[in-house]
PDB file of N, CA and C in Angstrom:
ATOM      1  N   UNK A   1      -1.605 -17.431  10.184  1.00  0.00           N
ATOM      2  CA  UNK A   1      -0.413 -17.939   9.518  1.00  0.00           C
ATOM      3  C   UNK A   1       0.102 -16.870   8.563  1.00  0.00           C
ATOM      4  N   UNK A   2       1.377 -16.707   8.520  1.00  0.00           N
ATOM      5  CA  UNK A   2       2.039 -15.712   7.684  1.00  0.00           C
ATOM      6  C   UNK A   2       2.279 -16.275   6.282  1.00  0.00           C
ATOM      7  N   UNK A   3       2.485 -15.371   5.330  1.00  0.00           N
ATOM      8  CA  UNK A   3       2.830 -15.805   3.976  1.00  0.00           C
ATOM      9  C   UNK A   3       4.106 -15.092   3.541  1.00  0.00           C
ATOM     10  N   UNK A   4       4.882 -15.755   2.716  1.00  0.00           N
ATOM     11  CA  UNK A   4       6.174 -15.237   2.255  1.00  0.00           C
ATOM     12  C   UNK A   4       5.940 -14.166   1.192  1.00  0.00           C
ATOM     13  N   UNK A   5       6.550 -13.005   1.371  1.00  0.00           N
ATOM     14  CA  UNK A   5       6.525 -11.956   0.352  1.00  0.00           C
ATOM     15  C   UNK A   5       7.777 -12.014  -0.518  1.00  0.00           C
ATOM     16  N   UNK A   6       8.937 -12.220   0.144  1.00  0.00           N
ATOM     17  CA  UNK A   6      10.201 -12.222  -0.587  1.00  0.00           C
ATOM     18  C   UNK A   6      11.246 -13.009   0.186  1.00  0.00           C
ATOM     19  N   UNK A   7      11.991 -13.811  -0.537  1.00  0.00           N
ATOM     20  CA  UNK A   7      13.124 -14.527   0.053  1.00  0.00           C
ATOM     21  C   UNK A   7      14.327 -13.602  -0.049  1.00  0.00           C
ATOM     22  N   UNK A   8      14.887 -13.217   1.085  1.00  0.00           N
ATOM     23  CA  UNK A   8      16.035 -12.317   1.088  1.00  0.00           C
ATOM     24  C   UNK A   8      17.319 -13.117   0.879  1.00  0.00           C
ATOM     25  N   UNK A   9      17.479 -14.178   1.641  1.00  0.00           N
ATOM     26  CA  UNK A   9      18.578 -15.132   1.460  1.00  0.00           C
ATOM     27  C   UNK A   9      18.203 -16.409   2.203  1.00  0.00           C
ATOM     28  N   UNK A  10      19.128 -17.334   2.380  1.00  0.00           N
ATOM     29  CA  UNK A  10      18.798 -18.603   3.027  1.00  0.00           C
ATOM     30  C   UNK A  10      18.482 -18.440   4.510  1.00  0.00           C
ATOM     31  N   UNK A  11      18.844 -17.313   5.082  1.00  0.00           N
ATOM     32  CA  UNK A  11      18.635 -17.108   6.512  1.00  0.00           C
ATOM     33  C   UNK A  11      17.649 -16.000   6.855  1.00  0.00           C
ATOM     34  N   UNK A  12      17.043 -15.359   5.862  1.00  0.00           N
ATOM     35  CA  UNK A  12      16.112 -14.261   6.120  1.00  0.00           C
ATOM     36  C   UNK A  12      14.999 -14.248   5.077  1.00  0.00           C
ATOM     37  N   UNK A  13      13.771 -13.976   5.567  1.00  0.00           N
ATOM     38  CA  UNK A  13      12.594 -13.967   4.711  1.00  0.00           C
ATOM     39  C   UNK A  13      11.716 -12.785   5.104  1.00  0.00           C
ATOM     40  N   UNK A  14      11.180 -12.081   4.103  1.00  0.00           N
ATOM     41  CA  UNK A  14      10.194 -11.031   4.342  1.00  0.00           C
ATOM     42  C   UNK A  14       8.829 -11.685   4.281  1.00  0.00           C
ATOM     43  N   UNK A  15       8.058 -11.561   5.356  1.00  0.00           N
ATOM     44  CA  UNK A  15       6.747 -12.202   5.429  1.00  0.00           C
ATOM     45  C   UNK A  15       5.672 -11.174   5.754  1.00  0.00           C
ATOM     46  N   UNK A  16       4.427 -11.527   5.453  1.00  0.00           N
ATOM     47  CA  UNK A  16       3.281 -10.704   5.828  1.00  0.00           C
ATOM     48  C   UNK A  16       2.452 -11.513   6.802  1.00  0.00           C
ATOM     49  N   UNK A  17       2.227 -10.950   7.989  1.00  0.00           N
ATOM     50  CA  UNK A  17       1.473 -11.626   9.039  1.00  0.00           C
ATOM     51  C   UNK A  17       0.340 -10.712   9.467  1.00  0.00           C
ATOM     52  N   UNK A  18      -0.874 -11.052   9.093  1.00  0.00           N
ATOM     53  CA  UNK A  18      -2.062 -10.238   9.394  1.00  0.00           C
ATOM     54  C   UNK A  18      -1.919  -8.807   8.896  1.00  0.00           C
ATOM     55  N   UNK A  19      -1.400  -8.637   7.689  1.00  0.00           N
ATOM     56  CA  UNK A  19      -1.266  -7.321   7.079  1.00  0.00           C
ATOM     57  C   UNK A  19      -0.050  -6.539   7.515  1.00  0.00           C
ATOM     58  N   UNK A  20       0.814  -7.124   8.345  1.00  0.00           N
ATOM     59  CA  UNK A  20       2.009  -6.455   8.847  1.00  0.00           C
ATOM     60  C   UNK A  20       3.239  -7.132   8.248  1.00  0.00           C
ATOM     61  N   UNK A  21       4.124  -6.333   7.632  1.00  0.00           N
ATOM     62  CA  UNK A  21       5.360  -6.886   7.086  1.00  0.00           C
ATOM     63  C   UNK A  21       6.360  -7.126   8.207  1.00  0.00           C
ATOM     64  N   UNK A  22       6.971  -8.308   8.187  1.00  0.00           N
ATOM     65  CA  UNK A  22       7.960  -8.677   9.194  1.00  0.00           C
ATOM     66  C   UNK A  22       9.126  -9.353   8.507  1.00  0.00           C
ATOM     67  N   UNK A  23      10.302  -9.247   9.113  1.00  0.00           N
ATOM     68  CA  UNK A  23      11.473  -9.973   8.641  1.00  0.00           C
ATOM     69  C   UNK A  23      11.745 -11.078   9.647  1.00  0.00           C
ATOM     70  N   UNK A  24      11.758 -12.304   9.146  1.00  0.00           N
ATOM     71  CA  UNK A  24      12.043 -13.462   9.983  1.00  0.00           C
ATOM     72  C   UNK A  24      13.455 -13.936   9.669  1.00  0.00           C
ATOM     73  N   UNK A  25      14.243 -14.150  10.720  1.00  0.00           N
ATOM     74  CA  UNK A  25      15.629 -14.569  10.555  1.00  0.00           C
ATOM     75  C   UNK A  25      15.855 -15.851  11.350  1.00  0.00           C
ATOM     76  N   UNK A  26      16.540 -16.794  10.723  1.00  0.00           N
ATOM     77  CA  UNK A  26      16.864 -18.055  11.372  1.00  0.00           C
ATOM     78  C   UNK A  26      17.676 -18.922  10.427  1.00  0.00           C
ATOM     79  N   UNK A  27      18.373 -19.861  10.970  1.00  0.00           N
ATOM     80  CA  UNK A  27      19.263 -20.696  10.175  1.00  0.00           C
ATOM     81  C   UNK A  27      18.468 -21.509   9.147  1.00  0.00           C
ATOM     82  N   UNK A  28      18.682 -21.217   7.862  1.00  0.00           N
ATOM     83  CA  UNK A  28      18.108 -21.975   6.770  1.00  0.00           C
ATOM     84  C   UNK A  28      16.628 -21.794   6.511  1.00  0.00           C
ATOM     85  N   UNK A  29      15.964 -20.812   7.133  1.00  0.00           N
ATOM     86  CA  UNK A  29      14.519 -20.685   6.948  1.00  0.00           C
ATOM     87  C   UNK A  29      14.129 -20.225   5.550  1.00  0.00           C
ATOM     88  N   UNK A  30      15.034 -19.571   4.839  1.00  0.00           N
ATOM     89  CA  UNK A  30      14.726 -19.124   3.494  1.00  0.00           C
ATOM     90  C   UNK A  30      15.039 -20.146   2.419  1.00  0.00           C
ATOM     91  N   UNK A  31      15.599 -21.262   2.803  1.00  0.00           N
ATOM     92  CA  UNK A  31      16.029 -22.258   1.818  1.00  0.00           C
ATOM     93  C   UNK A  31      14.860 -22.776   0.985  1.00  0.00           C
ATOM     94  N   UNK A  32      13.744 -23.098   1.633  1.00  0.00           N
ATOM     95  CA  UNK A  32      12.577 -23.603   0.913  1.00  0.00           C
ATOM     96  C   UNK A  32      11.454 -22.584   0.818  1.00  0.00           C
ATOM     97  N   UNK A  33      11.705 -21.332   1.183  1.00  0.00           N
ATOM     98  CA  UNK A  33      10.672 -20.298   1.138  1.00  0.00           C
ATOM     99  C   UNK A  33      10.350 -19.929  -0.308  1.00  0.00           C
ATOM    100  N   UNK A  34       9.062 -19.893  -0.614  1.00  0.00           N
ATOM    101  CA  UNK A  34       8.579 -19.540  -1.943  1.00  0.00           C
ATOM    102  C   UNK A  34       7.544 -18.424  -1.768  1.00  0.00           C
ATOM    103  N   UNK A  35       7.650 -17.342  -2.553  1.00  0.00           N
ATOM    104  CA  UNK A  35       6.674 -16.251  -2.430  1.00  0.00           C
ATOM    105  C   UNK A  35       5.228 -16.745  -2.558  1.00  0.00           C
ATOM    106  N   UNK A  36       4.356 -16.151  -1.744  1.00  0.00           N
ATOM    107  CA  UNK A  36       2.914 -16.417  -1.704  1.00  0.00           C
ATOM    108  C   UNK A  36       2.565 -17.769  -1.095  1.00  0.00           C
ATOM    109  N   UNK A  37       3.511 -18.411  -0.437  1.00  0.00           N
ATOM    110  CA  UNK A  37       3.215 -19.654   0.282  1.00  0.00           C
ATOM    111  C   UNK A  37       3.210 -19.365   1.779  1.00  0.00           C
ATOM    112  N   UNK A  38       2.578 -20.250   2.532  1.00  0.00           N
ATOM    113  CA  UNK A  38       2.505 -20.075   3.980  1.00  0.00           C
ATOM    114  C   UNK A  38       3.888 -20.198   4.621  1.00  0.00           C
ATOM    115  N   UNK A  39       4.059 -19.498   5.739  1.00  0.00           N
ATOM    116  CA  UNK A  39       5.321 -19.521   6.465  1.00  0.00           C
ATOM    117  C   UNK A  39       5.024 -19.691   7.949  1.00  0.00           C
ATOM    118  N   UNK A  40       5.680 -20.628   8.588  1.00  0.00           N
ATOM    119  CA  UNK A  40       5.503 -20.885  10.008  1.00  0.00           C
ATOM    120  C   UNK A  40       6.457 -19.993  10.801  1.00  0.00           C
ATOM    121  N   UNK A  41       5.911 -19.031  11.524  1.00  0.00           N
ATOM    122  CA  UNK A  41       6.721 -18.070  12.281  1.00  0.00           C
ATOM    123  C   UNK A  41       7.469 -18.727  13.444  1.00  0.00           C
ATOM    124  N   UNK A  42       7.061 -19.902  13.859  1.00  0.00           N
ATOM    125  CA  UNK A  42       7.721 -20.606  14.962  1.00  0.00           C
ATOM    126  C   UNK A  42       9.134 -21.051  14.582  1.00  0.00           C
ATOM    127  N   UNK A  43       9.420 -21.152  13.287  1.00  0.00           N
ATOM    128  CA  UNK A  43      10.745 -21.582  12.820  1.00  0.00           C
ATOM    129  C   UNK A  43      11.790 -20.478  12.959  1.00  0.00           C
ATOM    130  N   UNK A  44      11.345 -19.241  13.074  1.00  0.00           N
ATOM    131  CA  UNK A  44      12.262 -18.100  13.106  1.00  0.00           C
ATOM    132  C   UNK A  44      12.916 -17.950  14.478  1.00  0.00           C
ATOM    133  N   UNK A  45      14.210 -17.621  14.465  1.00  0.00           N
ATOM    134  CA  UNK A  45      14.929 -17.337  15.703  1.00  0.00           C
ATOM    135  C   UNK A  45      14.681 -15.903  16.146  1.00  0.00           C
ATOM    136  N   UNK A  46      14.598 -14.979  15.178  1.00  0.00           N
ATOM    137  CA  UNK A  46      14.354 -13.566  15.459  1.00  0.00           C
ATOM    138  C   UNK A  46      13.308 -13.058  14.478  1.00  0.00           C
ATOM    139  N   UNK A  47      12.448 -12.150  14.963  1.00  0.00           N
ATOM    140  CA  UNK A  47      11.437 -11.538  14.109  1.00  0.00           C
ATOM    141  C   UNK A  47      11.518 -10.030  14.305  1.00  0.00           C
ATOM    142  N   UNK A  48      11.575  -9.315  13.196  1.00  0.00           N
ATOM    143  CA  UNK A  48      11.637  -7.863  13.222  1.00  0.00           C
ATOM    144  C   UNK A  48      10.399  -7.298  12.545  1.00  0.00           C
ATOM    145  N   UNK A  49       9.858  -6.203  13.094  1.00  0.00           N
ATOM    146  CA  UNK A  49       8.695  -5.542  12.512  1.00  0.00           C
ATOM    147  C   UNK A  49       9.029  -4.070  12.285  1.00  0.00           C
ATOM    148  N   UNK A  50       8.442  -3.474  11.247  1.00  0.00           N
ATOM    149  CA  UNK A  50       8.733  -2.088  10.898  1.00  0.00           C
ATOM    150  C   UNK A  50       8.204  -1.140  11.968  1.00  0.00           C
ATOM    151  N   UNK A  51       8.953  -0.088  12.268  1.00  0.00           N
ATOM    152  CA  UNK A  51       8.499   0.953  13.194  1.00  0.00           C
ATOM    153  C   UNK A  51       7.381   1.737  12.538  1.00  0.00           C
ATOM    154  N   UNK A  52       6.165   1.514  12.976  1.00  0.00           N
ATOM    155  CA  UNK A  52       5.004   2.165  12.366  1.00  0.00           C
ATOM    156  C   UNK A  52       4.934   3.631  12.778  1.00  0.00           C
ATOM    157  N   UNK A  53       5.306   3.924  13.997  1.00  0.00           N
ATOM    158  CA  UNK A  53       5.200   5.294  14.503  1.00  0.00           C
ATOM    159  C   UNK A  53       6.051   6.268  13.704  1.00  0.00           C
ATOM    160  N   UNK A  54       7.222   5.839  13.314  1.00  0.00           N
ATOM    161  CA  UNK A  54       8.141   6.731  12.618  1.00  0.00           C
ATOM    162  C   UNK A  54       7.960   6.703  11.105  1.00  0.00           C
ATOM    163  N   UNK A  55       7.289   5.653  10.577  1.00  0.00           N
ATOM    164  CA  UNK A  55       7.185   5.468   9.128  1.00  0.00           C
ATOM    165  C   UNK A  55       8.579   5.516   8.493  1.00  0.00           C
ATOM    166  N   UNK A  56       9.508   4.870   9.127  1.00  0.00           N
ATOM    167  CA  UNK A  56      10.888   4.890   8.658  1.00  0.00           C
ATOM    168  C   UNK A  56      11.255   3.567   8.015  1.00  0.00           C
ATOM    169  N   UNK A  57      12.495   3.444   7.630  1.00  0.00           N
ATOM    170  CA  UNK A  57      13.007   2.210   7.051  1.00  0.00           C
ATOM    171  C   UNK A  57      13.728   1.384   8.100  1.00  0.00           C
ATOM    172  N   UNK A  58      13.218   1.392   9.331  1.00  0.00           N
ATOM    173  CA  UNK A  58      13.818   0.633  10.416  1.00  0.00           C
ATOM    174  C   UNK A  58      12.885  -0.483  10.838  1.00  0.00           C
ATOM    175  N   UNK A  59      13.478  -1.603  11.196  1.00  0.00           N
ATOM    176  CA  UNK A  59      12.716  -2.725  11.728  1.00  0.00           C
ATOM    177  C   UNK A  59      13.178  -2.952  13.153  1.00  0.00           C
ATOM    178  N   UNK A  60      12.255  -3.195  14.071  1.00  0.00           N
ATOM    179  CA  UNK A  60      12.560  -3.417  15.473  1.00  0.00           C
ATOM    180  C   UNK A  60      12.260  -4.867  15.832  1.00  0.00           C
ATOM    181  N   UNK A  61      13.134  -5.458  16.618  1.00  0.00           N
ATOM    182  CA  UNK A  61      12.937  -6.846  17.025  1.00  0.00           C
ATOM    183  C   UNK A  61      11.769  -6.935  17.989  1.00  0.00           C
ATOM    184  N   UNK A  62      10.844  -7.857  17.721  1.00  0.00           N
ATOM    185  CA  UNK A  62       9.672  -7.997  18.577  1.00  0.00           C
ATOM    186  C   UNK A  62       9.693  -9.283  19.374  1.00  0.00           C
ATOM    187  N   UNK A  63      10.716 -10.078  19.214  1.00  0.00           N
ATOM    188  CA  UNK A  63      10.787 -11.363  19.884  1.00  0.00           C
ATOM    189  C   UNK A  63      12.031 -11.386  20.755  1.00  0.00           C
ATOM    190  N   UNK A  64      11.927 -11.908  21.943  1.00  0.00           N
ATOM    191  CA  UNK A  64      13.081 -11.972  22.834  1.00  0.00           C
ATOM    192  C   UNK A  64      13.065 -10.834  23.835  1.00  0.00           C
ATOM    193  N   UNK A  65      14.076 -10.792  24.687  1.00  0.00           N
ATOM    194  CA  UNK A  65      14.094  -9.811  25.761  1.00  0.00           C
ATOM    195  C   UNK A  65      14.924  -8.574  25.445  1.00  0.00           C
ATOM    196  N   UNK A  66      15.725  -8.577  24.391  1.00  0.00           N
ATOM    197  CA  UNK A  66      16.508  -7.412  24.017  1.00  0.00           C
ATOM    198  C   UNK A  66      15.838  -6.683  22.866  1.00  0.00           C
ATOM    199  N   UNK A  67      15.954  -5.376  22.826  1.00  0.00           N
ATOM    200  CA  UNK A  67      15.377  -4.589  21.736  1.00  0.00           C
ATOM    201  C   UNK A  67      16.488  -4.242  20.756  1.00  0.00           C
ATOM    202  N   UNK A  68      16.411  -4.773  19.558  1.00  0.00           N
ATOM    203  CA  UNK A  68      17.398  -4.531  18.520  1.00  0.00           C
ATOM    204  C   UNK A  68      16.736  -3.796  17.362  1.00  0.00           C
ATOM    205  N   UNK A  69      17.520  -3.058  16.616  1.00  0.00           N
ATOM    206  CA  UNK A  69      17.015  -2.355  15.435  1.00  0.00           C
ATOM    207  C   UNK A  69      17.773  -2.847  14.223  1.00  0.00           C
ATOM    208  N   UNK A  70      17.051  -3.083  13.147  1.00  0.00           N
ATOM    209  CA  UNK A  70      17.607  -3.569  11.901  1.00  0.00           C
ATOM    210  C   UNK A  70      17.251  -2.590  10.809  1.00  0.00           C
ATOM    211  N   UNK A  71      18.220  -2.030  10.133  1.00  0.00           N
ATOM    212  CA  UNK A  71      17.946  -1.111   9.024  1.00  0.00           C
ATOM    213  C   UNK A  71      17.381  -1.903   7.859  1.00  0.00           C
ATOM    214  N   UNK A  72      16.439  -1.312   7.147  1.00  0.00           N
ATOM    215  CA  UNK A  72      15.832  -1.996   6.018  1.00  0.00           C
ATOM    216  C   UNK A  72      16.862  -2.191   4.927  1.00  0.00           C
ATOM    217  N   UNK A  73      16.943  -3.398   4.407  1.00  0.00           N
ATOM    218  CA  UNK A  73      17.941  -3.698   3.391  1.00  0.00           C
ATOM    219  C   UNK A  73      17.327  -4.331   2.166  1.00  0.00           C
ATOM    220  N   UNK A  74      16.034  -4.199   1.994  1.00  0.00           N
ATOM    221  CA  UNK A  74      15.383  -4.765   0.804  1.00  0.00           C
ATOM    222  C   UNK A  74      14.817  -3.681  -0.061  1.00  0.00           C
TER     223      UNK A  74
END
C-alpha cells in the first residue's frame, strides 16, 4: 500500500509506493489525501513514475497502453 507524500491539488497526489515516488492522477483523488496516510493506487486513473535511468525531473506513465512523459512540477 502506498502512502501520501504531498497533495499537489484535488486531482494529483505525490505518493511513495515501496520506496518509489509516483504521481497519481485522477478525478478528485487529492480531495481527502493527507500526508503520511495510506493511499489506494486503484483509485488513480494514471500513474507516473520518475525515470530512474536518467536521474532527471521527468515522470513516465506506467499504467495504460500509451507511454506519456510528465515534467516534474513539484
